C-alpha cells in the first residue's frame, strides 16, 4: 500500500482541498511554492504511463481547476503541473502557483515548514476553490477526503 493510499484511508494525516470518486487533491508536506498541491488518483496506479486515458483526462481537468484557484489565490501568472513520480510509487500530479521556471525545481522544496503554514496554504486553496464554484468537491474538513 502506498503512502498516498494510507493518507486517503485516514491512516496518515493529510490536508485535503478536493475529493471526488476518482481522485483527491492534498497539500504536499514539502512545497516548492506556497499552495503546492498533489492530485492523486484513489486507485493505486504506479506510473503516469500506466494510467488509462479516462483517468488521466480527469486528473488533468482537476489539476486545471486547482491551478486556476491557485493563480487567483496567490496572484500567480501561471499554474504549473509537474509529473515526476520518483518519491512515491503512486501516480500524482504536482500543481503549484508559478512565477518563473527557475522556481519549479524540486530542490526548492521546503521540508521544514511549520504545520501552521501548511494549514494556512491548504485553507487558502480550499477557499479559492469554493469561490470558483467548486465547493461541492471541497471536503467538509481539510483533514479528511470525505464530502458532505
N, C-alpha and C. Protein backbone atom coordinates (compact mmCIF):
# COMPACT_ATOMS: atom_id res chain seq x y z
N UNK A 1 0.86 -1.18 0.00
CA UNK A 1 0.00 0.00 0.00
C UNK A 1 0.90 1.24 0.00
N UNK A 2 0.57 2.21 -0.85
CA UNK A 2 1.38 3.42 -0.94
C UNK A 2 1.04 4.38 0.21
N UNK A 3 1.94 5.33 0.43
CA UNK A 3 1.70 6.34 1.45
C UNK A 3 0.44 7.16 1.10
N UNK A 4 0.20 7.39 -0.18
CA UNK A 4 -1.00 8.14 -0.56
C UNK A 4 -2.27 7.36 -0.26
N UNK A 5 -2.25 6.06 -0.49
CA UNK A 5 -3.40 5.23 -0.14
C UNK A 5 -3.65 5.29 1.36
N UNK A 6 -2.60 5.29 2.15
CA UNK A 6 -2.73 5.39 3.61
C UNK A 6 -3.29 6.75 4.03
N UNK A 7 -2.88 7.80 3.34
CA UNK A 7 -3.42 9.14 3.64
C UNK A 7 -4.90 9.20 3.28
N UNK A 8 -5.25 8.71 2.10
CA UNK A 8 -6.65 8.73 1.66
C UNK A 8 -7.52 7.92 2.62
N UNK A 9 -6.98 6.80 3.13
CA UNK A 9 -7.73 5.94 4.07
C UNK A 9 -7.81 6.54 5.46
N UNK A 10 -7.06 7.60 5.74
CA UNK A 10 -7.08 8.22 7.06
C UNK A 10 -6.10 7.61 8.04
N UNK A 11 -5.23 6.72 7.58
CA UNK A 11 -4.24 6.10 8.45
C UNK A 11 -3.07 7.04 8.73
N UNK A 12 -2.83 7.98 7.84
CA UNK A 12 -1.79 9.00 7.97
C UNK A 12 -2.48 10.34 7.75
N UNK A 13 -2.17 11.36 8.55
CA UNK A 13 -2.83 12.66 8.36
C UNK A 13 -2.54 13.27 6.99
N UNK A 14 -3.52 13.99 6.48
CA UNK A 14 -3.38 14.71 5.23
C UNK A 14 -4.14 16.01 5.29
N UNK A 15 -3.87 16.88 4.32
CA UNK A 15 -4.55 18.17 4.20
C UNK A 15 -5.22 18.20 2.83
N UNK A 16 -6.54 18.04 2.79
CA UNK A 16 -7.28 17.85 1.54
C UNK A 16 -7.97 19.14 1.11
N UNK A 17 -7.93 19.39 -0.20
CA UNK A 17 -8.64 20.54 -0.77
C UNK A 17 -9.70 20.11 -1.77
N UNK A 18 -9.66 18.86 -2.24
CA UNK A 18 -10.59 18.37 -3.26
C UNK A 18 -10.79 16.89 -3.03
N UNK A 19 -12.00 16.42 -3.33
CA UNK A 19 -12.27 14.98 -3.31
C UNK A 19 -13.41 14.69 -4.28
N UNK A 20 -13.25 13.62 -5.03
CA UNK A 20 -14.34 13.11 -5.86
C UNK A 20 -14.16 11.59 -5.94
N UNK A 21 -14.94 10.94 -6.76
CA UNK A 21 -14.90 9.48 -6.82
C UNK A 21 -13.58 8.93 -7.35
N UNK A 22 -12.87 9.70 -8.17
CA UNK A 22 -11.66 9.20 -8.82
C UNK A 22 -10.35 9.69 -8.20
N UNK A 23 -10.39 10.85 -7.56
CA UNK A 23 -9.14 11.40 -7.05
C UNK A 23 -9.35 12.31 -5.84
N UNK A 24 -8.24 12.64 -5.23
CA UNK A 24 -8.21 13.65 -4.17
C UNK A 24 -7.09 14.63 -4.52
N UNK A 25 -7.16 15.80 -3.90
CA UNK A 25 -6.07 16.76 -4.00
C UNK A 25 -5.68 17.12 -2.59
N UNK A 26 -4.39 17.00 -2.31
CA UNK A 26 -3.91 17.28 -0.96
C UNK A 26 -2.63 18.10 -1.02
N UNK A 27 -2.35 18.77 0.08
CA UNK A 27 -1.14 19.58 0.18
C UNK A 27 0.06 18.67 0.35
N UNK A 28 1.14 19.02 -0.31
CA UNK A 28 2.40 18.31 -0.09
C UNK A 28 3.02 18.80 1.21
N UNK A 29 3.80 17.94 1.85
CA UNK A 29 4.48 18.35 3.09
C UNK A 29 5.81 19.03 2.78
N UNK A 30 6.18 19.09 1.49
CA UNK A 30 7.42 19.75 1.08
C UNK A 30 7.14 20.63 -0.14
N UNK A 31 6.43 21.74 0.07
CA UNK A 31 6.03 22.57 -1.06
C UNK A 31 7.19 23.31 -1.72
N UNK A 32 7.13 23.40 -3.03
CA UNK A 32 8.09 24.21 -3.79
C UNK A 32 7.68 25.68 -3.69
N UNK A 33 6.38 25.94 -3.80
CA UNK A 33 5.82 27.28 -3.60
C UNK A 33 4.62 27.14 -2.67
N UNK A 34 4.20 28.24 -2.05
CA UNK A 34 3.00 28.20 -1.22
C UNK A 34 1.83 27.76 -2.08
N UNK A 35 0.98 26.88 -1.53
CA UNK A 35 -0.18 26.41 -2.25
C UNK A 35 0.07 25.19 -3.12
N UNK A 36 1.26 24.63 -3.08
CA UNK A 36 1.64 23.45 -3.87
C UNK A 36 0.77 22.27 -3.46
N UNK A 37 0.04 21.68 -4.40
CA UNK A 37 -0.89 20.59 -4.14
C UNK A 37 -0.54 19.38 -5.00
N UNK A 38 -1.04 18.22 -4.58
CA UNK A 38 -0.86 16.98 -5.32
C UNK A 38 -2.22 16.42 -5.73
N UNK A 39 -2.40 16.14 -7.00
CA UNK A 39 -3.61 15.49 -7.49
C UNK A 39 -3.29 14.00 -7.55
N UNK A 40 -4.03 13.21 -6.76
CA UNK A 40 -3.72 11.80 -6.57
C UNK A 40 -4.94 10.94 -6.87
N UNK A 41 -4.82 9.98 -7.79
CA UNK A 41 -5.97 9.09 -8.01
C UNK A 41 -6.19 8.21 -6.79
N UNK A 42 -7.44 7.89 -6.52
CA UNK A 42 -7.75 6.98 -5.41
C UNK A 42 -7.19 5.58 -5.69
N UNK A 43 -7.24 5.17 -6.93
CA UNK A 43 -6.70 3.86 -7.31
C UNK A 43 -5.18 3.94 -7.32
N UNK A 44 -4.53 2.89 -6.87
CA UNK A 44 -3.08 2.86 -6.90
C UNK A 44 -2.60 2.54 -8.31
N UNK A 45 -2.14 3.57 -8.97
CA UNK A 45 -1.53 3.46 -10.29
C UNK A 45 -0.08 3.87 -10.08
N UNK A 46 0.84 3.02 -10.46
CA UNK A 46 2.25 3.29 -10.15
C UNK A 46 2.82 4.45 -10.95
N UNK A 47 2.64 4.42 -12.26
CA UNK A 47 3.26 5.43 -13.12
C UNK A 47 2.23 6.15 -13.98
N UNK A 48 2.56 7.35 -14.35
CA UNK A 48 1.75 8.17 -15.25
C UNK A 48 1.42 7.39 -16.52
N UNK A 49 2.40 6.70 -17.04
CA UNK A 49 2.22 5.97 -18.29
C UNK A 49 1.40 4.70 -18.13
N UNK A 50 1.10 4.31 -16.90
CA UNK A 50 0.25 3.14 -16.64
C UNK A 50 -1.23 3.49 -16.52
N UNK A 51 -1.54 4.75 -16.35
CA UNK A 51 -2.93 5.17 -16.13
C UNK A 51 -3.72 5.11 -17.43
N UNK A 52 -5.00 4.77 -17.32
CA UNK A 52 -5.82 4.77 -18.53
C UNK A 52 -6.17 6.21 -18.91
N UNK A 53 -6.53 6.38 -20.16
CA UNK A 53 -6.75 7.72 -20.70
C UNK A 53 -7.86 8.48 -19.98
N UNK A 54 -8.92 7.79 -19.60
CA UNK A 54 -10.03 8.47 -18.92
C UNK A 54 -9.59 9.02 -17.56
N UNK A 55 -8.81 8.24 -16.83
CA UNK A 55 -8.30 8.72 -15.54
C UNK A 55 -7.38 9.91 -15.74
N UNK A 56 -6.45 9.82 -16.69
CA UNK A 56 -5.55 10.94 -16.93
C UNK A 56 -6.31 12.20 -17.33
N UNK A 57 -7.35 12.05 -18.14
CA UNK A 57 -8.16 13.20 -18.53
C UNK A 57 -8.81 13.84 -17.31
N UNK A 58 -9.33 13.00 -16.43
CA UNK A 58 -9.96 13.53 -15.22
C UNK A 58 -8.94 14.24 -14.33
N UNK A 59 -7.77 13.63 -14.13
CA UNK A 59 -6.74 14.26 -13.32
C UNK A 59 -6.31 15.60 -13.91
N UNK A 60 -6.23 15.68 -15.24
CA UNK A 60 -5.85 16.93 -15.89
C UNK A 60 -6.89 18.01 -15.67
N UNK A 61 -8.15 17.66 -15.74
CA UNK A 61 -9.22 18.65 -15.51
C UNK A 61 -9.18 19.14 -14.06
N UNK A 62 -9.02 18.22 -13.12
CA UNK A 62 -8.92 18.62 -11.71
C UNK A 62 -7.70 19.51 -11.50
N UNK A 63 -6.57 19.13 -12.08
CA UNK A 63 -5.35 19.95 -11.96
C UNK A 63 -5.59 21.35 -12.51
N UNK A 64 -6.31 21.46 -13.61
CA UNK A 64 -6.63 22.77 -14.19
C UNK A 64 -7.46 23.61 -13.22
N UNK A 65 -8.47 23.00 -12.63
CA UNK A 65 -9.33 23.73 -11.69
C UNK A 65 -8.55 24.18 -10.46
N UNK A 66 -7.71 23.31 -9.95
CA UNK A 66 -6.88 23.67 -8.79
C UNK A 66 -5.90 24.77 -9.19
N UNK A 67 -5.30 24.63 -10.36
CA UNK A 67 -4.36 25.65 -10.83
C UNK A 67 -5.01 27.02 -11.00
N UNK A 68 -6.22 27.03 -11.53
CA UNK A 68 -6.93 28.31 -11.67
C UNK A 68 -7.17 28.94 -10.30
N UNK A 69 -7.55 28.12 -9.33
CA UNK A 69 -7.78 28.64 -7.96
C UNK A 69 -6.47 29.15 -7.36
N UNK A 70 -5.38 28.45 -7.59
CA UNK A 70 -4.07 28.89 -7.07
C UNK A 70 -3.65 30.22 -7.69
N UNK A 71 -3.86 30.37 -8.99
CA UNK A 71 -3.49 31.63 -9.64
C UNK A 71 -4.21 32.81 -9.01
N UNK A 72 -5.50 32.64 -8.76
CA UNK A 72 -6.29 33.71 -8.15
C UNK A 72 -5.84 33.93 -6.71
N UNK A 73 -5.71 32.86 -5.95
CA UNK A 73 -5.40 32.97 -4.53
C UNK A 73 -4.03 33.58 -4.27
N UNK A 74 -3.06 33.27 -5.13
CA UNK A 74 -1.69 33.70 -4.90
C UNK A 74 -1.22 34.78 -5.87
N UNK A 75 -2.08 35.20 -6.77
CA UNK A 75 -1.70 36.23 -7.73
C UNK A 75 -0.60 35.77 -8.67
N UNK A 76 -0.57 34.50 -8.97
CA UNK A 76 0.48 33.93 -9.82
C UNK A 76 0.10 34.05 -11.29
N UNK A 77 1.07 34.33 -12.16
CA UNK A 77 0.77 34.43 -13.59
C UNK A 77 0.49 33.08 -14.24
N UNK A 78 0.95 32.00 -13.62
CA UNK A 78 0.78 30.66 -14.17
C UNK A 78 0.50 29.66 -13.06
N UNK A 79 -0.05 28.54 -13.47
CA UNK A 79 -0.10 27.35 -12.63
C UNK A 79 0.74 26.30 -13.35
N UNK A 80 1.62 25.64 -12.64
CA UNK A 80 2.47 24.63 -13.24
C UNK A 80 2.00 23.24 -12.83
N UNK A 81 2.18 22.29 -13.73
CA UNK A 81 1.88 20.89 -13.45
C UNK A 81 3.16 20.11 -13.74
N UNK A 82 3.60 19.36 -12.73
CA UNK A 82 4.81 18.55 -12.86
C UNK A 82 4.45 17.10 -12.57
N UNK A 83 4.98 16.19 -13.36
CA UNK A 83 4.79 14.77 -13.12
C UNK A 83 6.19 14.17 -13.06
N UNK A 84 6.56 13.68 -11.89
CA UNK A 84 7.87 13.06 -11.73
C UNK A 84 7.67 11.63 -11.23
N UNK A 85 7.15 11.50 -10.02
CA UNK A 85 6.77 10.20 -9.52
C UNK A 85 7.87 9.35 -8.94
N UNK A 86 9.03 9.92 -8.68
CA UNK A 86 10.11 9.12 -8.13
C UNK A 86 10.04 8.94 -6.62
N UNK A 87 9.41 9.88 -5.93
CA UNK A 87 9.41 9.83 -4.47
C UNK A 87 8.34 8.91 -3.90
N UNK A 88 7.24 8.68 -4.62
CA UNK A 88 6.18 7.79 -4.17
C UNK A 88 5.70 6.99 -5.38
N UNK A 89 5.62 5.67 -5.25
CA UNK A 89 5.14 4.82 -6.34
C UNK A 89 3.62 4.80 -6.41
N UNK A 90 3.05 5.97 -6.60
CA UNK A 90 1.61 6.14 -6.76
C UNK A 90 1.47 7.42 -7.57
N UNK A 91 0.93 7.30 -8.75
CA UNK A 91 0.78 8.44 -9.65
C UNK A 91 0.29 9.68 -8.90
N UNK A 92 0.93 10.81 -9.16
CA UNK A 92 0.46 12.08 -8.61
C UNK A 92 0.97 13.23 -9.48
N UNK A 93 0.13 14.23 -9.63
CA UNK A 93 0.48 15.44 -10.37
C UNK A 93 0.72 16.56 -9.37
N UNK A 94 1.86 17.20 -9.48
CA UNK A 94 2.16 18.37 -8.66
C UNK A 94 1.53 19.57 -9.36
N UNK A 95 0.72 20.34 -8.65
CA UNK A 95 0.12 21.56 -9.19
C UNK A 95 0.50 22.69 -8.26
N UNK A 96 1.09 23.74 -8.82
CA UNK A 96 1.56 24.82 -7.95
C UNK A 96 1.51 26.15 -8.67
N UNK A 97 1.26 27.21 -7.89
CA UNK A 97 1.34 28.55 -8.47
C UNK A 97 2.79 28.81 -8.86
N UNK A 98 2.99 29.43 -10.04
CA UNK A 98 4.35 29.61 -10.55
C UNK A 98 4.55 31.01 -11.09
N UNK A 99 5.74 31.51 -10.85
CA UNK A 99 6.12 32.84 -11.32
C UNK A 99 7.22 32.76 -12.39
N UNK A 100 8.02 31.69 -12.37
CA UNK A 100 9.07 31.51 -13.36
C UNK A 100 9.52 30.05 -13.35
N UNK A 101 10.24 29.65 -14.37
CA UNK A 101 10.68 28.27 -14.47
C UNK A 101 11.74 27.91 -13.43
N UNK A 102 12.53 28.87 -13.01
CA UNK A 102 13.57 28.59 -12.02
C UNK A 102 13.00 28.10 -10.70
N UNK A 103 11.80 28.55 -10.37
CA UNK A 103 11.21 28.18 -9.08
C UNK A 103 10.55 26.80 -9.11
N UNK A 104 10.57 26.12 -10.25
CA UNK A 104 9.87 24.85 -10.37
C UNK A 104 10.77 23.63 -10.13
N UNK A 105 11.91 23.85 -9.57
CA UNK A 105 12.84 22.74 -9.31
C UNK A 105 12.53 22.11 -7.97
N UNK A 106 12.59 20.77 -7.93
CA UNK A 106 12.31 20.06 -6.69
C UNK A 106 13.34 20.35 -5.60
N UNK A 107 14.52 20.82 -5.97
CA UNK A 107 15.48 21.17 -4.91
C UNK A 107 15.10 22.48 -4.22
N UNK A 108 14.04 23.13 -4.69
CA UNK A 108 13.48 24.30 -3.99
C UNK A 108 12.44 23.91 -2.95
N UNK A 109 12.13 22.63 -2.85
CA UNK A 109 11.13 22.18 -1.88
C UNK A 109 11.56 22.53 -0.46
N UNK A 110 10.59 22.98 0.31
CA UNK A 110 10.85 23.36 1.71
C UNK A 110 10.32 22.23 2.61
N UNK A 111 11.24 21.55 3.28
CA UNK A 111 10.90 20.37 4.07
C UNK A 111 10.64 20.68 5.55
N UNK A 112 10.83 21.91 5.95
CA UNK A 112 10.76 22.22 7.39
C UNK A 112 9.72 23.28 7.73
N UNK A 113 8.68 23.41 6.90
CA UNK A 113 7.66 24.41 7.19
C UNK A 113 6.83 23.99 8.40
N UNK A 114 6.50 24.93 9.26
CA UNK A 114 5.62 24.61 10.39
C UNK A 114 4.23 24.19 9.91
N UNK A 115 3.59 23.35 10.67
CA UNK A 115 2.24 22.87 10.34
C UNK A 115 1.28 24.03 10.11
N UNK A 116 1.43 25.10 10.85
CA UNK A 116 0.53 26.25 10.71
C UNK A 116 0.60 26.84 9.31
N UNK A 117 1.81 26.89 8.73
CA UNK A 117 1.95 27.43 7.38
C UNK A 117 1.33 26.49 6.34
N UNK A 118 1.51 25.19 6.51
CA UNK A 118 0.89 24.22 5.61
C UNK A 118 -0.63 24.28 5.72
N UNK A 119 -1.13 24.41 6.96
CA UNK A 119 -2.57 24.53 7.17
C UNK A 119 -3.13 25.79 6.50
N UNK A 120 -2.41 26.91 6.64
CA UNK A 120 -2.86 28.17 6.05
C UNK A 120 -2.91 28.09 4.53
N UNK A 121 -1.90 27.48 3.92
CA UNK A 121 -1.89 27.33 2.46
C UNK A 121 -3.04 26.43 2.01
N UNK A 122 -3.30 25.38 2.76
CA UNK A 122 -4.41 24.49 2.44
C UNK A 122 -5.73 25.25 2.48
N UNK A 123 -5.94 26.02 3.52
CA UNK A 123 -7.19 26.79 3.63
C UNK A 123 -7.31 27.84 2.54
N UNK A 124 -6.20 28.43 2.13
CA UNK A 124 -6.22 29.41 1.04
C UNK A 124 -6.72 28.77 -0.24
N UNK A 125 -6.22 27.59 -0.56
CA UNK A 125 -6.64 26.90 -1.79
C UNK A 125 -8.08 26.40 -1.65
N UNK A 126 -8.46 25.89 -0.49
CA UNK A 126 -9.85 25.45 -0.26
C UNK A 126 -10.82 26.61 -0.50
N UNK A 127 -10.50 27.77 0.05
CA UNK A 127 -11.37 28.94 -0.10
C UNK A 127 -11.44 29.38 -1.56
N UNK A 128 -10.31 29.34 -2.26
CA UNK A 128 -10.29 29.75 -3.67
C UNK A 128 -11.11 28.78 -4.52
N UNK A 129 -11.07 27.49 -4.21
CA UNK A 129 -11.89 26.53 -4.94
C UNK A 129 -13.38 26.76 -4.69
N UNK A 130 -13.74 27.04 -3.44
CA UNK A 130 -15.15 27.34 -3.14
C UNK A 130 -15.58 28.60 -3.88
N UNK A 131 -14.73 29.64 -3.85
CA UNK A 131 -15.06 30.89 -4.53
C UNK A 131 -15.21 30.71 -6.04
N UNK A 132 -14.49 29.73 -6.59
CA UNK A 132 -14.55 29.46 -8.03
C UNK A 132 -15.75 28.59 -8.41
N UNK A 133 -16.55 28.20 -7.42
CA UNK A 133 -17.73 27.41 -7.71
C UNK A 133 -17.55 25.90 -7.56
N UNK A 134 -16.45 25.46 -6.99
CA UNK A 134 -16.18 24.03 -6.83
C UNK A 134 -16.38 23.56 -5.40
N UNK A 135 -17.21 24.25 -4.64
CA UNK A 135 -17.44 23.91 -3.24
C UNK A 135 -17.93 22.49 -3.01
N UNK A 136 -18.66 21.92 -3.96
CA UNK A 136 -19.16 20.55 -3.79
C UNK A 136 -18.02 19.54 -3.75
N UNK A 137 -16.86 19.89 -4.30
CA UNK A 137 -15.72 18.99 -4.28
C UNK A 137 -14.74 19.29 -3.15
N UNK A 138 -14.97 20.35 -2.40
CA UNK A 138 -14.09 20.69 -1.28
C UNK A 138 -14.58 19.92 -0.06
N UNK A 139 -13.74 19.04 0.48
CA UNK A 139 -14.18 18.26 1.65
C UNK A 139 -14.60 19.17 2.81
N UNK A 140 -15.52 18.66 3.62
CA UNK A 140 -16.03 19.41 4.76
C UNK A 140 -14.88 19.81 5.68
N UNK A 141 -13.93 18.92 5.87
CA UNK A 141 -12.79 19.15 6.74
C UNK A 141 -11.51 18.94 5.94
N UNK A 142 -10.50 19.75 6.20
CA UNK A 142 -9.23 19.62 5.49
C UNK A 142 -8.50 18.32 5.85
N UNK A 143 -8.86 17.70 6.96
CA UNK A 143 -8.13 16.50 7.37
C UNK A 143 -8.81 15.20 6.94
N UNK A 144 -9.79 15.30 6.04
CA UNK A 144 -10.48 14.11 5.56
C UNK A 144 -10.93 14.30 4.12
N UNK A 145 -10.83 13.26 3.29
CA UNK A 145 -11.32 13.40 1.91
C UNK A 145 -12.82 13.16 1.77
N UNK A 146 -13.53 13.08 2.88
CA UNK A 146 -14.98 12.83 2.84
C UNK A 146 -15.72 14.10 2.44
N UNK A 147 -16.71 13.94 1.58
CA UNK A 147 -17.58 15.05 1.20
C UNK A 147 -18.82 15.02 2.07
N UNK A 148 -19.57 16.10 2.04
CA UNK A 148 -20.78 16.21 2.87
C UNK A 148 -21.78 15.12 2.62
